[in-house]
Amino acid sequence: MAALDTSAILAWTQVLDWLLLLALVPVLALLFRRMRRLFARVAPVGALMTSGGPAPGVRLPSRILRALDGGEVALGGSRADGGSTLLLFVSGACPISRKMLPIAGDFTRREAIDLLCLGDDTDAMQHDLTARFAISPSRFVNDPEIGRMLGVDKLPFAFLLDATGTIVAKGLVNSREHLESLVVAGETGHVSVQSYLDARPHAA
């Protein structure tokens, strides 16, 4: 009799387990739907675009600049190799700039993007910066006029140019994700977080 009672208890336990699992199915389905809605409403993290300077979509005319090594480097215009260019404005006195230089170097190598650093300090400071972060002086331009021309007033600031010299996206950058957002901008058509939020007012 005791064995029969034990079997009955085990059978009822299994039944209750199955009922509990079946009851959880709609709860999990509802939770999954709510999570999807939540992720759809969360805006992506991207480089913060400022209002000054040329906007994305503007083609920069070709301009020959003088690099730190004394050689010439082209800014804007079409590239014969069809590649993209990342313009990164930095300063050795800016800790975020120092943080971003190795990140930008690794990012552009992986994405096959040409990196051109620009700044507005003394040549001695810029040479120290290039030596510290293994940046070729031929890919560093120290010219305050370029920053003024492009409306750069905060650092580090980046412009992504396509093969024609057209600005794909621009913005303040302080992480790898911000650099990635500039590339994604060319694929999605959203040149900034602001444009994403304007297109999807409920994403905020």
Foldseek 3Di string as FASTA:
>chain_A
DVVVVVVVVVVVVVVVVVVVVVVCVVVVVVVVVVVVVLVVLAFDDAFADDDDFDFFQDFDDWDWAAFLVRDIDIATAADPVFAKEKEWEAFPVDPLRLVCLLLVVVLCVVVVHHYAYEYADDSVRVVVSCVVNVNPSRRYGHDPVVCVNRVNDDPGKMFMAGRGRGTQAIHHDRDNSRVVVCVVCNVPVQRHSVSVCVVPVSSD
